[in-house]
PDB file of N, CA and C in Angstrom:
ATOM      1  N   MET A   1      10.237  -9.797   6.456  1.00  0.00           N
ATOM      2  CA  MET A   1       9.959 -10.953   7.179  1.00  0.00           C
ATOM      3  C   MET A   1       8.797 -10.605   8.270  1.00  0.00           C
ATOM      4  N   PRO A   2       7.489 -11.237   8.227  1.00  0.00           N
ATOM      5  CA  PRO A   2       6.481 -11.254   9.108  1.00  0.00           C
ATOM      6  C   PRO A   2       7.120 -11.369  10.704  1.00  0.00           C
ATOM      7  N   LEU A   3       6.356 -10.521  11.538  1.00  0.00           N
ATOM      8  CA  LEU A   3       6.830 -10.637  13.014  1.00  0.00           C
ATOM      9  C   LEU A   3       6.526 -12.017  13.559  1.00  0.00           C
ATOM     10  N   ASP A   4       5.466 -12.916  13.235  1.00  0.00           N
ATOM     11  CA  ASP A   4       5.163 -14.136  13.567  1.00  0.00           C
ATOM     12  C   ASP A   4       6.452 -14.851  13.126  1.00  0.00           C
ATOM     13  N   GLN A   5       7.068 -14.746  12.099  1.00  0.00           N
ATOM     14  CA  GLN A   5       8.119 -15.536  11.668  1.00  0.00           C
ATOM     15  C   GLN A   5       9.383 -15.080  12.573  1.00  0.00           C
ATOM     16  N   VAL A   6       9.458 -13.830  12.901  1.00  0.00           N
ATOM     17  CA  VAL A   6      10.568 -13.231  13.711  1.00  0.00           C
ATOM     18  C   VAL A   6      10.291 -13.933  15.073  1.00  0.00           C
ATOM     19  N   ALA A   7       9.260 -13.864  15.678  1.00  0.00           N
ATOM     20  CA  ALA A   7       9.127 -14.572  17.054  1.00  0.00           C
ATOM     21  C   ALA A   7       9.524 -16.124  16.888  1.00  0.00           C
ATOM     22  N   ALA A   8       9.168 -16.812  15.935  1.00  0.00           N
ATOM     23  CA  ALA A   8       9.521 -18.304  15.608  1.00  0.00           C
ATOM     24  C   ALA A   8      10.808 -18.386  15.590  1.00  0.00           C
ATOM     25  N   LEU A   9      11.605 -17.554  15.036  1.00  0.00           N
ATOM     26  CA  LEU A   9      13.017 -17.752  14.999  1.00  0.00           C
ATOM     27  C   LEU A   9      13.596 -17.417  16.157  1.00  0.00           C
ATOM     28  N   LEU A  10      13.212 -16.242  16.848  1.00  0.00           N
ATOM     29  CA  LEU A  10      13.860 -16.165  18.274  1.00  0.00           C
ATOM     30  C   LEU A  10      13.515 -17.196  19.146  1.00  0.00           C
ATOM     31  N   TYR A  11      12.379 -17.814  19.032  1.00  0.00           N
ATOM     32  CA  TYR A  11      12.037 -19.060  19.778  1.00  0.00           C
ATOM     33  C   TYR A  11      12.904 -20.021  19.417  1.00  0.00           C
ATOM     34  N   ALA A  12      13.304 -20.364  18.308  1.00  0.00           N
ATOM     35  CA  ALA A  12      14.097 -21.318  17.862  1.00  0.00           C
ATOM     36  C   ALA A  12      15.649 -21.199  18.675  1.00  0.00           C
ATOM     37  N   VAL A  13      15.998 -19.956  18.552  1.00  0.00           N
ATOM     38  CA  VAL A  13      17.296 -19.618  19.112  1.00  0.00           C
ATOM     39  C   VAL A  13      17.285 -19.919  20.543  1.00  0.00           C
ATOM     40  N   VAL A  14      16.238 -19.347  21.334  1.00  0.00           N
ATOM     41  CA  VAL A  14      16.306 -19.565  22.842  1.00  0.00           C
ATOM     42  C   VAL A  14      16.199 -21.316  23.080  1.00  0.00           C
ATOM     43  N   VAL A  15      15.460 -21.993  22.298  1.00  0.00           N
ATOM     44  CA  VAL A  15      15.315 -23.370  22.409  1.00  0.00           C
ATOM     45  C   VAL A  15      16.790 -23.968  22.331  1.00  0.00           C
ATOM     46  N   ALA A  16      17.560 -23.497  21.214  1.00  0.00           N
ATOM     47  CA  ALA A  16      18.750 -23.961  20.940  1.00  0.00           C
ATOM     48  C   ALA A  16      19.786 -23.857  22.122  1.00  0.00           C
ATOM     49  N   PHE A  17      19.612 -22.708  22.984  1.00  0.00           N
ATOM     50  CA  PHE A  17      20.465 -22.458  24.010  1.00  0.00           C
ATOM     51  C   PHE A  17      19.896 -23.549  25.042  1.00  0.00           C
ATOM     52  N   VAL A  18      18.609 -23.701  25.363  1.00  0.00           N
ATOM     53  CA  VAL A  18      18.124 -24.759  26.314  1.00  0.00           C
ATOM     54  C   VAL A  18      18.439 -26.065  26.017  1.00  0.00           C
ATOM     55  N   ILE A  19      18.466 -26.375  24.676  1.00  0.00           N
ATOM     56  CA  ILE A  19      19.101 -27.639  24.320  1.00  0.00           C
ATOM     57  C   ILE A  19      20.621 -27.910  24.647  1.00  0.00           C
ATOM     58  N   LEU A  20      21.341 -26.902  24.469  1.00  0.00           N
ATOM     59  CA  LEU A  20      22.744 -26.836  24.712  1.00  0.00           C
ATOM     60  C   LEU A  20      22.842 -26.990  26.404  1.00  0.00           C
ATOM     61  N   PHE A  21      22.127 -26.285  27.110  1.00  0.00           N
ATOM     62  CA  PHE A  21      21.949 -26.597  28.446  1.00  0.00           C
ATOM     63  C   PHE A  21      21.714 -28.067  28.987  1.00  0.00           C
ATOM     64  N   GLN A  22      20.775 -28.593  28.219  1.00  0.00           N
ATOM     65  CA  GLN A  22      20.339 -29.887  28.403  1.00  0.00           C
ATOM     66  C   GLN A  22      21.482 -30.919  28.130  1.00  0.00           C
ATOM     67  N   PHE A  23      22.224 -30.751  27.058  1.00  0.00           N
ATOM     68  CA  PHE A  23      23.340 -31.447  26.667  1.00  0.00           C
ATOM     69  C   PHE A  23      24.445 -31.331  27.801  1.00  0.00           C
ATOM     70  N   CYS A  24      24.571 -30.173  28.276  1.00  0.00           N
ATOM     71  CA  CYS A  24      25.624 -30.121  29.326  1.00  0.00           C
ATOM     72  C   CYS A  24      25.112 -30.951  30.681  1.00  0.00           C
ATOM     73  N   LEU A  25      23.888 -30.896  30.784  1.00  0.00           N
ATOM     74  CA  LEU A  25      23.424 -31.844  32.008  1.00  0.00           C
ATOM     75  C   LEU A  25      23.525 -33.335  31.767  1.00  0.00           C
ATOM     76  N   VAL A  26      23.285 -33.717  30.462  1.00  0.00           N
ATOM     77  CA  VAL A  26      23.407 -35.064  30.067  1.00  0.00           C
ATOM     78  C   VAL A  26      24.754 -35.532  30.522  1.00  0.00           C
ATOM     79  N   PHE A  27      25.896 -34.623  29.983  1.00  0.00           N
ATOM     80  CA  PHE A  27      27.284 -34.880  30.084  1.00  0.00           C
ATOM     81  C   PHE A  27      27.971 -34.653  31.549  1.00  0.00           C
ATOM     82  N   GLY A  28      27.175 -34.450  32.389  1.00  0.00           N
ATOM     83  CA  GLY A  28      27.532 -34.057  33.808  1.00  0.00           C
ATOM     84  C   GLY A  28      27.738 -32.827  34.319  1.00  0.00           C
ATOM     85  N   ALA A  29      27.495 -31.862  33.757  1.00  0.00           N
ATOM     86  CA  ALA A  29      27.588 -30.285  34.308  1.00  0.00           C
ATOM     87  C   ALA A  29      26.839 -30.384  35.715  1.00  0.00           C
ATOM     88  N   PRO A  30      27.399 -29.686  36.689  1.00  0.00           N
ATOM     89  CA  PRO A  30      26.954 -29.681  38.120  1.00  0.00           C
ATOM     90  C   PRO A  30      25.984 -28.646  38.313  1.00  0.00           C
ATOM     91  N   TRP A  31      24.944 -28.674  37.492  1.00  0.00           N
ATOM     92  CA  TRP A  31      23.891 -27.613  37.653  1.00  0.00           C
ATOM     93  C   TRP A  31      22.526 -28.191  38.172  1.00  0.00           C
ATOM     94  N   GLY A  32      22.607 -29.299  38.738  1.00  0.00           N
ATOM     95  CA  GLY A  32      21.598 -30.018  39.354  1.00  0.00           C
ATOM     96  C   GLY A  32      20.485 -28.852  40.387  1.00  0.00           C
ATOM     97  N   ARG A  33      21.138 -27.918  41.023  1.00  0.00           N
ATOM     98  CA  ARG A  33      20.316 -27.090  41.684  1.00  0.00           C
ATOM     99  C   ARG A  33      19.471 -26.120  40.760  1.00  0.00           C
ATOM    100  N   ILE A  34      19.799 -25.978  39.498  1.00  0.00           N
ATOM    101  CA  ILE A  34      18.974 -25.118  38.749  1.00  0.00           C
ATOM    102  C   ILE A  34      17.956 -25.794  37.770  1.00  0.00           C
ATOM    103  N   THR A  35      17.872 -27.084  38.005  1.00  0.00           N
ATOM    104  CA  THR A  35      17.067 -27.802  37.059  1.00  0.00           C
ATOM    105  C   THR A  35      16.168 -28.941  37.898  1.00  0.00           C
ATOM    106  N   GLN A  36      15.171 -29.474  37.257  1.00  0.00           N
ATOM    107  CA  GLN A  36      14.502 -30.587  37.567  1.00  0.00           C
ATOM    108  C   GLN A  36      14.091 -30.598  39.165  1.00  0.00           C
ATOM    109  N   GLY A  37      13.628 -29.314  39.709  1.00  0.00           N
ATOM    110  CA  GLY A  37      13.196 -29.027  40.853  1.00  0.00           C
ATOM    111  C   GLY A  37      14.309 -28.723  41.914  1.00  0.00           C
ATOM    112  N   GLY A  38      15.636 -28.734  41.449  1.00  0.00           N
ATOM    113  CA  GLY A  38      16.691 -28.302  42.262  1.00  0.00           C
ATOM    114  C   GLY A  38      16.922 -29.306  43.409  1.00  0.00           C
ATOM    115  N   SER A  39      16.683 -30.677  43.285  1.00  0.00           N
ATOM    116  CA  SER A  39      16.856 -31.803  44.297  1.00  0.00           C
ATOM    117  C   SER A  39      18.296 -32.271  44.179  1.00  0.00           C
ATOM    118  N   HIS A  40      18.881 -31.968  43.103  1.00  0.00           N
ATOM    119  CA  HIS A  40      20.302 -32.621  42.954  1.00  0.00           C
ATOM    120  C   HIS A  40      21.185 -31.448  43.256  1.00  0.00           C
ATOM    121  N   GLU A  41      22.351 -31.751  44.008  1.00  0.00           N
ATOM    122  CA  GLU A  41      23.528 -30.876  44.237  1.00  0.00           C
ATOM    123  C   GLU A  41      24.476 -31.419  43.372  1.00  0.00           C
ATOM    124  N   GLY A  42      25.078 -30.737  42.439  1.00  0.00           N
ATOM    125  CA  GLY A  42      26.116 -31.045  41.440  1.00  0.00           C
ATOM    126  C   GLY A  42      25.417 -31.837  40.289  1.00  0.00           C
ATOM    127  N   ALA A  43      25.948 -32.746  39.766  1.00  0.00           N
ATOM    128  CA  ALA A  43      25.406 -33.367  38.496  1.00  0.00           C
ATOM    129  C   ALA A  43      24.349 -34.167  38.866  1.00  0.00           C
ATOM    130  N   LEU A  44      23.480 -34.348  37.752  1.00  0.00           N
ATOM    131  CA  LEU A  44      22.339 -35.217  37.982  1.00  0.00           C
ATOM    132  C   LEU A  44      22.580 -36.592  38.076  1.00  0.00           C
ATOM    133  N   SER A  45      21.636 -37.343  38.620  1.00  0.00           N
ATOM    134  CA  SER A  45      21.721 -38.796  38.537  1.00  0.00           C
ATOM    135  C   SER A  45      21.500 -39.394  37.194  1.00  0.00           C
ATOM    136  N   VAL A  46      21.414 -40.680  36.970  1.00  0.00           N
ATOM    137  CA  VAL A  46      21.387 -41.098  35.648  1.00  0.00           C
ATOM    138  C   VAL A  46      20.148 -41.075  35.262  1.00  0.00           C
ATOM    139  N   SER A  47      19.004 -41.116  36.029  1.00  0.00           N
ATOM    140  CA  SER A  47      17.626 -40.860  35.682  1.00  0.00           C
ATOM    141  C   SER A  47      17.550 -39.373  35.266  1.00  0.00           C
ATOM    142  N   GLY A  48      18.029 -38.582  36.021  1.00  0.00           N
ATOM    143  CA  GLY A  48      18.004 -36.985  35.627  1.00  0.00           C
ATOM    144  C   GLY A  48      18.636 -36.799  34.418  1.00  0.00           C
ATOM    145  N   ARG A  49      19.540 -37.506  34.124  1.00  0.00           N
ATOM    146  CA  ARG A  49      20.355 -37.063  32.778  1.00  0.00           C
ATOM    147  C   ARG A  49      19.467 -37.695  31.759  1.00  0.00           C
ATOM    148  N   ALA A  50      18.720 -38.745  31.897  1.00  0.00           N
ATOM    149  CA  ALA A  50      17.783 -39.390  30.979  1.00  0.00           C
ATOM    150  C   ALA A  50      16.816 -38.542  30.696  1.00  0.00           C
ATOM    151  N   ALA A  51      16.152 -37.849  31.709  1.00  0.00           N
ATOM    152  CA  ALA A  51      15.191 -36.944  31.538  1.00  0.00           C
ATOM    153  C   ALA A  51      15.696 -35.759  30.718  1.00  0.00           C
ATOM    154  N   ALA A  52      16.913 -35.176  30.982  1.00  0.00           N
ATOM    155  CA  ALA A  52      17.346 -34.174  30.073  1.00  0.00           C
ATOM    156  C   ALA A  52      17.456 -34.388  28.615  1.00  0.00           C
ATOM    157  N   ALA A  53      18.003 -35.735  28.408  1.00  0.00           N
ATOM    158  CA  ALA A  53      18.157 -36.208  26.972  1.00  0.00           C
ATOM    159  C   ALA A  53      16.828 -36.286  26.450  1.00  0.00           C
ATOM    160  N   LEU A  54      15.651 -36.730  27.036  1.00  0.00           N
ATOM    161  CA  LEU A  54      14.493 -36.758  26.442  1.00  0.00           C
ATOM    162  C   LEU A  54      13.981 -35.383  26.240  1.00  0.00           C
ATOM    163  N   SER A  55      14.276 -34.456  27.052  1.00  0.00           N
ATOM    164  CA  SER A  55      13.559 -33.196  26.967  1.00  0.00           C
ATOM    165  C   SER A  55      14.350 -32.303  25.585  1.00  0.00           C
ATOM    166  N   VAL A  56      15.456 -32.893  25.149  1.00  0.00           N
ATOM    167  CA  VAL A  56      15.955 -32.413  23.985  1.00  0.00           C
ATOM    168  C   VAL A  56      14.942 -32.636  22.868  1.00  0.00           C
ATOM    169  N   PHE A  57      14.622 -34.005  22.695  1.00  0.00           N
ATOM    170  CA  PHE A  57      13.785 -34.204  21.650  1.00  0.00           C
ATOM    171  C   PHE A  57      12.432 -33.493  21.767  1.00  0.00           C
ATOM    172  N   ILE A  58      11.947 -33.153  22.916  1.00  0.00           N
ATOM    173  CA  ILE A  58      10.639 -32.489  23.212  1.00  0.00           C
ATOM    174  C   ILE A  58      10.894 -31.152  22.731  1.00  0.00           C
ATOM    175  N   LEU A  59      11.989 -30.500  22.916  1.00  0.00           N
ATOM    176  CA  LEU A  59      12.070 -29.252  22.620  1.00  0.00           C
ATOM    177  C   LEU A  59      12.547 -28.932  21.053  1.00  0.00           C
ATOM    178  N   ILE A  60      12.983 -29.962  20.466  1.00  0.00           N
ATOM    179  CA  ILE A  60      13.125 -30.160  18.910  1.00  0.00           C
ATOM    180  C   ILE A  60      11.786 -30.003  18.429  1.00  0.00           C
ATOM    181  N   PHE A  61      10.896 -30.789  18.972  1.00  0.00           N
ATOM    182  CA  PHE A  61       9.589 -30.953  18.400  1.00  0.00           C
ATOM    183  C   PHE A  61       8.777 -29.620  18.618  1.00  0.00           C
ATOM    184  N   MET A  62       8.925 -29.053  19.887  1.00  0.00           N
ATOM    185  CA  MET A  62       8.289 -27.716  19.935  1.00  0.00           C
ATOM    186  C   MET A  62       8.701 -26.486  19.080  1.00  0.00           C
ATOM    187  N   SER A  63      10.119 -26.566  18.940  1.00  0.00           N
ATOM    188  CA  SER A  63      10.579 -25.525  17.983  1.00  0.00           C
ATOM    189  C   SER A  63       9.986 -25.672  16.569  1.00  0.00           C
ATOM    190  N   ALA A  64      10.213 -26.929  16.125  1.00  0.00           N
ATOM    191  CA  ALA A  64       9.669 -27.215  14.781  1.00  0.00           C
ATOM    192  C   ALA A  64       8.077 -27.062  14.761  1.00  0.00           C
ATOM    193  N   SER A  65       7.452 -27.131  15.630  1.00  0.00           N
ATOM    194  CA  SER A  65       6.123 -26.985  15.653  1.00  0.00           C
ATOM    195  C   SER A  65       5.623 -25.553  15.565  1.00  0.00           C
ATOM    196  N   VAL A  66       6.304 -24.748  16.494  1.00  0.00           N
ATOM    197  CA  VAL A  66       6.132 -23.156  16.405  1.00  0.00           C
ATOM    198  C   VAL A  66       6.716 -22.548  15.157  1.00  0.00           C
ATOM    199  N   ALA A  67       7.690 -23.092  14.599  1.00  0.00           N
ATOM    200  CA  ALA A  67       8.167 -22.574  13.133  1.00  0.00           C
ATOM    201  C   ALA A  67       7.047 -22.959  12.123  1.00  0.00           C
ATOM    202  N   SER A  68       6.513 -24.203  12.191  1.00  0.00           N
ATOM    203  CA  SER A  68       5.495 -24.490  11.158  1.00  0.00           C
ATOM    204  C   SER A  68       4.374 -23.577  11.229  1.00  0.00           C
ATOM    205  N   ALA A  69       3.921 -23.316  12.479  1.00  0.00           N
ATOM    206  CA  ALA A  69       2.845 -22.341  12.641  1.00  0.00           C
ATOM    207  C   ALA A  69       2.956 -21.130  12.139  1.00  0.00           C
ATOM    208  N   ALA A  70       4.323 -20.694  12.098  1.00  0.00           N
ATOM    209  CA  ALA A  70       4.557 -19.374  11.589  1.00  0.00           C
ATOM    210  C   ALA A  70       4.880 -19.249  10.045  1.00  0.00           C
ATOM    211  N   GLY A  71       4.632 -20.467   9.465  1.00  0.00           N
ATOM    212  CA  GLY A  71       4.772 -20.636   8.033  1.00  0.00           C
ATOM    213  C   GLY A  71       6.357 -21.004   7.687  1.00  0.00           C
ATOM    214  N   LEU A  72       7.034 -21.415   8.606  1.00  0.00           N
ATOM    215  CA  LEU A  72       8.382 -21.769   8.217  1.00  0.00           C
ATOM    216  C   LEU A  72       8.486 -23.438   8.052  1.00  0.00           C
ATOM    217  N   ALA A  73       9.658 -23.745   7.757  1.00  0.00           N
ATOM    218  CA  ALA A  73       9.881 -25.186   7.691  1.00  0.00           C
ATOM    219  C   ALA A  73       9.803 -25.635   9.199  1.00  0.00           C
ATOM    220  N   PRO A  74       9.459 -26.773   9.380  1.00  0.00           N
ATOM    221  CA  PRO A  74       9.205 -28.130   8.370  1.00  0.00           C
ATOM    222  C   PRO A  74       7.690 -28.152   7.897  1.00  0.00           C
ATOM    223  N   ASN A  75       7.133 -27.322   8.329  1.00  0.00           N
ATOM    224  CA  ASN A  75       5.539 -27.213   7.696  1.00  0.00           C
ATOM    225  C   ASN A  75       4.697 -28.455   8.032  1.00  0.00           C
ATOM    226  N   TRP A  76       4.745 -28.559   9.654  1.00  0.00           N
ATOM    227  CA  TRP A  76       4.019 -29.507  10.147  1.00  0.00           C
ATOM    228  C   TRP A  76       2.409 -29.194  10.234  1.00  0.00           C
ATOM    229  N   SER A  77       1.543 -30.125  10.570  1.00  0.00           N
ATOM    230  CA  SER A  77       0.246 -29.685  10.948  1.00  0.00           C
ATOM    231  C   SER A  77      -0.043 -28.863  11.926  1.00  0.00           C
ATOM    232  N   GLY A  78      -0.964 -27.841  11.948  1.00  0.00           N
ATOM    233  CA  GLY A  78      -1.165 -26.961  12.836  1.00  0.00           C
ATOM    234  C   GLY A  78      -1.377 -27.345  14.479  1.00  0.00           C
ATOM    235  N   TRP A  79      -2.015 -28.580  14.755  1.00  0.00           N
ATOM    236  CA  TRP A  79      -2.340 -29.133  15.761  1.00  0.00           C
ATOM    237  C   TRP A  79      -0.937 -29.171  16.596  1.00  0.00           C
ATOM    238  N   THR A  80       0.204 -29.424  16.119  1.00  0.00           N
ATOM    239  CA  THR A  80       1.351 -29.544  16.875  1.00  0.00           C
ATOM    240  C   THR A  80       1.751 -28.494  17.511  1.00  0.00           C
ATOM    241  N   ALA A  81       1.452 -27.403  16.902  1.00  0.00           N
ATOM    242  CA  ALA A  81       1.774 -25.956  17.587  1.00  0.00           C
ATOM    243  C   ALA A  81       1.046 -25.884  19.016  1.00  0.00           C
ATOM    244  N   TYR A  82      -0.251 -26.259  18.849  1.00  0.00           N
ATOM    245  CA  TYR A  82      -1.003 -26.119  20.147  1.00  0.00           C
ATOM    246  C   TYR A  82      -0.607 -27.161  21.243  1.00  0.00           C
ATOM    247  N   VAL A  83       0.080 -28.260  20.676  1.00  0.00           N
ATOM    248  CA  VAL A  83       0.669 -29.134  21.726  1.00  0.00           C
ATOM    249  C   VAL A  83       1.863 -28.563  22.282  1.00  0.00           C
ATOM    250  N   ALA A  84       2.619 -28.011  21.571  1.00  0.00           N
ATOM    251  CA  ALA A  84       3.875 -27.191  21.954  1.00  0.00           C
ATOM    252  C   ALA A  84       3.535 -26.023  22.764  1.00  0.00           C
ATOM    253  N   ILE A  85       2.418 -25.292  22.584  1.00  0.00           N
ATOM    254  CA  ILE A  85       2.142 -24.183  23.426  1.00  0.00           C
ATOM    255  C   ILE A  85       1.851 -24.768  24.818  1.00  0.00           C
ATOM    256  N   GLY A  86       1.079 -25.761  24.839  1.00  0.00           N
ATOM    257  CA  GLY A  86       0.631 -26.609  26.058  1.00  0.00           C
ATOM    258  C   GLY A  86       1.825 -27.018  26.945  1.00  0.00           C
ATOM    259  N   ILE A  87       2.765 -27.583  26.218  1.00  0.00           N
ATOM    260  CA  ILE A  87       3.977 -27.975  26.986  1.00  0.00           C
ATOM    261  C   ILE A  87       4.698 -26.899  27.364  1.00  0.00           C
ATOM    262  N   GLN A  88       4.890 -25.723  26.616  1.00  0.00           N
ATOM    263  CA  GLN A  88       5.466 -24.635  26.929  1.00  0.00           C
ATOM    264  C   GLN A  88       4.766 -23.805  28.186  1.00  0.00           C
ATOM    265  N   GLY A  89       3.501 -23.810  28.259  1.00  0.00           N
ATOM    266  CA  GLY A  89       2.724 -23.361  29.331  1.00  0.00           C
ATOM    267  C   GLY A  89       3.032 -24.135  30.680  1.00  0.00           C
ATOM    268  N   ALA A  90       3.007 -25.451  30.604  1.00  0.00           N
ATOM    269  CA  ALA A  90       3.120 -26.314  31.649  1.00  0.00           C
ATOM    270  C   ALA A  90       4.687 -25.974  32.308  1.00  0.00           C
ATOM    271  N   SER A  91       5.523 -26.068  31.200  1.00  0.00           N
ATOM    272  CA  SER A  91       6.862 -25.705  31.773  1.00  0.00           C
ATOM    273  C   SER A  91       7.018 -24.357  32.533  1.00  0.00           C
ATOM    274  N   THR A  92       6.507 -23.430  31.944  1.00  0.00           N
ATOM    275  CA  THR A  92       6.575 -22.186  32.418  1.00  0.00           C
ATOM    276  C   THR A  92       5.986 -22.053  33.970  1.00  0.00           C
ATOM    277  N   LEU A  93       4.802 -22.767  34.010  1.00  0.00           N
ATOM    278  CA  LEU A  93       4.051 -22.802  35.507  1.00  0.00           C
ATOM    279  C   LEU A  93       5.239 -23.582  36.379  1.00  0.00           C
ATOM    280  N   LEU A  94       5.625 -24.702  35.977  1.00  0.00           N
ATOM    281  CA  LEU A  94       6.298 -25.444  36.805  1.00  0.00           C
ATOM    282  C   LEU A  94       7.745 -24.812  37.314  1.00  0.00           C
ATOM    283  N   ASN A  95       8.272 -24.018  36.328  1.00  0.00           N
ATOM    284  CA  ASN A  95       9.443 -23.162  36.725  1.00  0.00           C
ATOM    285  C   ASN A  95       9.039 -22.082  37.618  1.00  0.00           C
ATOM    286  N   TRP A  96       7.901 -21.364  37.576  1.00  0.00           N
ATOM    287  CA  TRP A  96       7.512 -20.427  38.558  1.00  0.00           C
ATOM    288  C   TRP A  96       7.120 -20.917  39.864  1.00  0.00           C
ATOM    289  N   ILE A  97       6.746 -22.318  39.986  1.00  0.00           N
ATOM    290  CA  ILE A  97       6.289 -22.779  41.346  1.00  0.00           C
ATOM    291  C   ILE A  97       7.410 -23.728  41.908  1.00  0.00           C
ATOM    292  N   THR A  98       8.621 -23.974  41.133  1.00  0.00           N
ATOM    293  CA  THR A  98       9.637 -25.142  41.602  1.00  0.00           C
ATOM    294  C   THR A  98       9.887 -24.510  43.187  1.00  0.00           C
ATOM    295  N   PRO A  99      10.156 -25.513  43.987  1.00  0.00           N
ATOM    296  CA  PRO A  99      10.787 -25.191  45.348  1.00  0.00           C
ATOM    297  C   PRO A  99      12.284 -24.745  45.290  1.00  0.00           C
ATOM    298  N   SER A 100      12.975 -24.687  44.151  1.00  0.00           N
ATOM    299  CA  SER A 100      14.283 -24.496  43.962  1.00  0.00           C
ATOM    300  C   SER A 100      14.432 -22.853  43.577  1.00  0.00           C
ATOM    301  N   ARG A 101      14.854 -22.017  44.463  1.00  0.00           N
ATOM    302  CA  ARG A 101      14.800 -20.651  44.269  1.00  0.00           C
ATOM    303  C   ARG A 101      15.719 -20.337  43.097  1.00  0.00           C
ATOM    304  N   PRO A 102      17.074 -21.041  42.979  1.00  0.00           N
ATOM    305  CA  PRO A 102      17.926 -20.801  41.924  1.00  0.00           C
ATOM    306  C   PRO A 102      17.281 -21.048  40.589  1.00  0.00           C
ATOM    307  N   GLU A 103      16.616 -22.281  40.641  1.00  0.00           N
ATOM    308  CA  GLU A 103      16.031 -22.652  39.361  1.00  0.00           C
ATOM    309  C   GLU A 103      15.019 -21.784  38.846  1.00  0.00           C
ATOM    310  N   ARG A 104      14.182 -21.289  39.880  1.00  0.00           N
ATOM    311  CA  ARG A 104      13.023 -20.152  39.575  1.00  0.00           C
ATOM    312  C   ARG A 104      13.546 -18.897  39.042  1.00  0.00           C
ATOM    313  N   ARG A 105      14.668 -18.456  39.692  1.00  0.00           N
ATOM    314  CA  ARG A 105      15.439 -17.308  39.309  1.00  0.00           C
ATOM    315  C   ARG A 105      15.817 -17.292  37.735  1.00  0.00           C
ATOM    316  N   VAL A 106      16.583 -18.533  37.359  1.00  0.00           N
ATOM    317  CA  VAL A 106      16.960 -18.701  36.149  1.00  0.00           C
ATOM    318  C   VAL A 106      15.852 -18.939  35.022  1.00  0.00           C
ATOM    319  N   TRP A 107      15.046 -19.947  35.467  1.00  0.00           N
ATOM    320  CA  TRP A 107      14.302 -20.477  34.220  1.00  0.00           C
ATOM    321  C   TRP A 107      12.839 -20.026  34.204  1.00  0.00           C
ATOM    322  N   ALA A 108      12.298 -19.433  35.354  1.00  0.00           N
ATOM    323  CA  ALA A 108      10.947 -18.939  35.275  1.00  0.00           C
ATOM    324  C   ALA A 108      10.940 -17.639  34.112  1.00  0.00           C
ATOM    325  N   PRO A 109      11.945 -16.712  33.969  1.00  0.00           N
ATOM    326  CA  PRO A 109      11.908 -15.654  33.169  1.00  0.00           C
ATOM    327  C   PRO A 109      11.963 -16.250  31.714  1.00  0.00           C
ATOM    328  N   VAL A 110      13.074 -17.148  31.665  1.00  0.00           N
ATOM    329  CA  VAL A 110      13.437 -17.654  30.376  1.00  0.00           C
ATOM    330  C   VAL A 110      12.227 -18.487  29.717  1.00  0.00           C
ATOM    331  N   THR A 111      11.703 -19.258  30.491  1.00  0.00           N
ATOM    332  CA  THR A 111      10.518 -20.040  29.900  1.00  0.00           C
ATOM    333  C   THR A 111       9.256 -19.014  29.795  1.00  0.00           C
ATOM    334  N   SER A 112       9.085 -17.927  30.305  1.00  0.00           N
ATOM    335  CA  SER A 112       8.108 -17.148  30.370  1.00  0.00           C
ATOM    336  C   SER A 112       8.324 -16.295  28.947  1.00  0.00           C
ATOM    337  N   ILE A 113       9.450 -15.992  28.594  1.00  0.00           N
ATOM    338  CA  ILE A 113       9.839 -15.401  27.233  1.00  0.00           C
ATOM    339  C   ILE A 113       9.590 -16.171  26.120  1.00  0.00           C
ATOM    340  N   MET A 114      10.079 -17.738  26.430  1.00  0.00           N
ATOM    341  CA  MET A 114       9.718 -18.597  25.554  1.00  0.00           C
ATOM    342  C   MET A 114       8.122 -18.802  25.135  1.00  0.00           C
ATOM    343  N   LEU A 115       7.450 -18.668  26.233  1.00  0.00           N
ATOM    344  CA  LEU A 115       6.132 -18.972  26.156  1.00  0.00           C
ATOM    345  C   LEU A 115       5.460 -17.612  25.246  1.00  0.00           C
ATOM    346  N   LEU A 116       5.886 -16.460  25.654  1.00  0.00           N
ATOM    347  CA  LEU A 116       5.465 -15.303  24.844  1.00  0.00           C
ATOM    348  C   LEU A 116       5.745 -15.315  23.403  1.00  0.00           C
ATOM    349  N   LEU A 117       6.925 -15.771  23.009  1.00  0.00           N
ATOM    350  CA  LEU A 117       7.383 -15.721  21.671  1.00  0.00           C
ATOM    351  C   LEU A 117       6.646 -16.901  20.961  1.00  0.00           C
ATOM    352  N   ALA A 118       6.473 -17.975  21.539  1.00  0.00           N
ATOM    353  CA  ALA A 118       5.791 -19.184  20.934  1.00  0.00           C
ATOM    354  C   ALA A 118       4.252 -18.789  20.787  1.00  0.00           C
ATOM    355  N   ALA A 119       3.641 -18.099  21.852  1.00  0.00           N
ATOM    356  CA  ALA A 119       2.258 -17.761  21.554  1.00  0.00           C
ATOM    357  C   ALA A 119       1.991 -16.645  20.599  1.00  0.00           C
ATOM    358  N   TYR A 120       3.014 -15.719  20.513  1.00  0.00           N
ATOM    359  CA  TYR A 120       2.961 -14.764  19.302  1.00  0.00           C
ATOM    360  C   TYR A 120       2.964 -15.311  18.144  1.00  0.00           C
ATOM    361  N   ALA A 121       4.011 -16.324  17.793  1.00  0.00           N
ATOM    362  CA  ALA A 121       4.195 -16.913  16.629  1.00  0.00           C
ATOM    363  C   ALA A 121       3.054 -17.918  16.251  1.00  0.00           C
ATOM    364  N   VAL A 122       2.140 -18.268  17.179  1.00  0.00           N
ATOM    365  CA  VAL A 122       1.300 -19.266  16.827  1.00  0.00           C
ATOM    366  C   VAL A 122      -0.065 -18.546  16.696  1.00  0.00           C
ATOM    367  N   PHE A 123      -0.560 -17.739  17.472  1.00  0.00           N
ATOM    368  CA  PHE A 123      -1.777 -16.992  17.579  1.00  0.00           C
ATOM    369  C   PHE A 123      -1.777 -15.678  16.882  1.00  0.00           C
ATOM    370  N   ILE A 124      -0.597 -15.028  16.440  1.00  0.00           N
ATOM    371  CA  ILE A 124      -0.744 -13.660  15.914  1.00  0.00           C
ATOM    372  C   ILE A 124      -0.711 -13.864  14.329  1.00  0.00           C
TER     373      ILE A 124
END
């Protein structure tokens, strides 16, 4: 298996864990300090939970786009991978500059690894 496909599969695995995290938030996990700027202590508000639910769809799109760029299913158009890289880059930046220290400690490294995997899968 080519390395770009390995990177895309590893990206998909990390995305799956992030999706699991988002579902936990939607269903009331008390992790508000490590997400969405860390402004919520405990469980997220209804709007925060809605944002977490929306992010699940965005993450699925991103994973499918990166997989497609590496020659895997679902074989979407190449431009979708560039959109995914842009979203992943913005997410990474936002997690590095968040005012929430706990969020920064958890998600800055995770999103940085995700960005590296996605970039390798798309550009190499």
